[in-house]
Amino acid sequence: MNIKTPRYEPRFKMIRNEKNFDSAHFIADIANLAFSLVYAVEEADEKLEILNNLLLSIIDKHAQTKNDII
């Protein structure tokens, strides 16, 4: 008999590092976003995609993600 036991496969979770988060800089960056890009598009799905990309870029700048093994 050839019985193999399944190996443990690591699982990852992504967490944000908020250690150096500065809310004043975050709010200032949000205030300076180019929201005119959202208004320039007709389709609602495209507007949502642009808004998500703008906000995620600022969030990634202030609270980077890192992978942790579960």
C-alpha atoms as a PDB file:
ATOM      1  CA  MET A   1       0.000   0.000   0.000  1.00  0.00           C
ATOM      2  CA  ASN A   2       1.170   3.417  -0.879  1.00  0.00           C
ATOM      3  CA  ILE A   3      -0.597   5.848   1.458  1.00  0.00           C
ATOM      4  CA  LYS A   4       0.429   9.452   1.375  1.00  0.00           C
ATOM      5  CA  THR A   5      -0.707  11.898   3.989  1.00  0.00           C
ATOM      6  CA  PRO A   6      -1.716  15.301   2.706  1.00  0.00           C
ATOM      7  CA  ARG A   7       0.854  17.966   3.413  1.00  0.00           C
ATOM      8  CA  TYR A   8      -0.038  21.158   5.178  1.00  0.00           C
ATOM      9  CA  GLU A   9      -0.587  23.894   2.645  1.00  0.00           C
ATOM     10  CA  PRO A  10       0.006  27.336   4.114  1.00  0.00           C
ATOM     11  CA  ARG A  11      -2.812  29.831   3.903  1.00  0.00           C
ATOM     12  CA  PHE A  12      -2.189  33.526   3.783  1.00  0.00           C
ATOM     13  CA  LYS A  13      -4.203  36.460   4.955  1.00  0.00           C
ATOM     14  CA  MET A  14      -3.579  40.032   3.992  1.00  0.00           C
ATOM     15  CA  ILE A  15      -3.540  42.608   6.759  1.00  0.00           C
ATOM     16  CA  ARG A  16      -2.880  46.326   6.718  1.00  0.00           C
ATOM     17  CA  ASN A  17      -0.043  47.803   8.721  1.00  0.00           C
ATOM     18  CA  GLU A  18      -1.525  50.782  10.529  1.00  0.00           C
ATOM     19  CA  LYS A  19       1.472  51.328  12.780  1.00  0.00           C
ATOM     20  CA  ASN A  20       2.599  54.543  11.067  1.00  0.00           C
ATOM     21  CA  PHE A  21      -0.876  55.713   9.993  1.00  0.00           C
ATOM     22  CA  ASP A  22      -1.314  59.482  10.214  1.00  0.00           C
ATOM     23  CA  SER A  23      -4.953  60.476   9.917  1.00  0.00           C
ATOM     24  CA  ALA A  24      -4.194  64.139   9.142  1.00  0.00           C
ATOM     25  CA  HIS A  25      -2.100  63.215   6.086  1.00  0.00           C
ATOM     26  CA  PHE A  26      -4.681  60.637   5.035  1.00  0.00           C
ATOM     27  CA  ILE A  27      -7.515  63.179   5.138  1.00  0.00           C
ATOM     28  CA  ALA A  28      -5.370  65.728   3.275  1.00  0.00           C
ATOM     29  CA  ASP A  29      -4.649  63.196   0.514  1.00  0.00           C
ATOM     30  CA  ILE A  30      -8.353  62.288   0.246  1.00  0.00           C
ATOM     31  CA  ALA A  31      -9.207  65.988  -0.051  1.00  0.00           C
ATOM     32  CA  ASN A  32      -6.717  66.372  -2.916  1.00  0.00           C
ATOM     33  CA  LEU A  33      -7.999  63.435  -4.980  1.00  0.00           C
ATOM     34  CA  ALA A  34      -9.002  64.121  -8.571  1.00  0.00           C
ATOM     35  CA  PHE A  35     -12.703  63.373  -8.235  1.00  0.00           C
ATOM     36  CA  SER A  36     -13.246  65.073 -11.588  1.00  0.00           C
ATOM     37  CA  LEU A  37     -12.115  61.788 -13.170  1.00  0.00           C
ATOM     38  CA  VAL A  38     -15.205  60.116 -11.715  1.00  0.00           C
ATOM     39  CA  TYR A  39     -17.550  62.779 -13.086  1.00  0.00           C
ATOM     40  CA  ALA A  40     -15.980  62.643 -16.557  1.00  0.00           C
ATOM     41  CA  VAL A  41     -17.277  59.103 -17.186  1.00  0.00           C
ATOM     42  CA  GLU A  42     -20.865  58.236 -18.146  1.00  0.00           C
ATOM     43  CA  GLU A  43     -21.136  54.558 -17.071  1.00  0.00           C
ATOM     44  CA  ALA A  44     -21.910  53.875 -13.404  1.00  0.00           C
ATOM     45  CA  ASP A  45     -19.674  50.791 -13.305  1.00  0.00           C
ATOM     46  CA  GLU A  46     -16.738  52.775 -14.670  1.00  0.00           C
ATOM     47  CA  LYS A  47     -17.356  55.529 -12.117  1.00  0.00           C
ATOM     48  CA  LEU A  48     -17.298  52.996  -9.319  1.00  0.00           C
ATOM     49  CA  GLU A  49     -14.112  51.394 -10.653  1.00  0.00           C
ATOM     50  CA  ILE A  50     -12.334  54.753 -10.883  1.00  0.00           C
ATOM     51  CA  LEU A  51     -13.472  55.765  -7.395  1.00  0.00           C
ATOM     52  CA  ASN A  52     -12.316  52.432  -5.953  1.00  0.00           C
ATOM     53  CA  ASN A  53      -8.915  52.773  -7.628  1.00  0.00           C
ATOM     54  CA  LEU A  54      -8.473  56.321  -6.346  1.00  0.00           C
ATOM     55  CA  LEU A  55      -9.385  55.418  -2.776  1.00  0.00           C
ATOM     56  CA  LEU A  56      -7.357  52.204  -2.746  1.00  0.00           C
ATOM     57  CA  SER A  57      -4.276  54.029  -3.975  1.00  0.00           C
ATOM     58  CA  ILE A  58      -4.486  56.402  -1.007  1.00  0.00           C
ATOM     59  CA  ILE A  59      -5.215  53.585   1.447  1.00  0.00           C
ATOM     60  CA  ASP A  60      -2.270  51.575   0.083  1.00  0.00           C
ATOM     61  CA  LYS A  61      -0.044  54.610   0.475  1.00  0.00           C
ATOM     62  CA  HIS A  62      -0.912  55.115   4.149  1.00  0.00           C
ATOM     63  CA  ALA A  63      -1.543  51.537   5.319  1.00  0.00           C
ATOM     64  CA  GLN A  64       0.465  49.027   3.283  1.00  0.00           C
ATOM     65  CA  THR A  65      -0.622  45.407   3.125  1.00  0.00           C
ATOM     66  CA  LYS A  66       1.445  42.480   4.246  1.00  0.00           C
ATOM     67  CA  ASN A  67       0.890  38.751   4.019  1.00  0.00           C
ATOM     68  CA  ASP A  68       0.777  36.651   7.159  1.00  0.00           C
ATOM     69  CA  ILE A  69       0.669  32.877   7.269  1.00  0.00           C
ATOM     70  CA  ILE A  70      -2.327  31.484   9.113  1.00  0.00           C
END
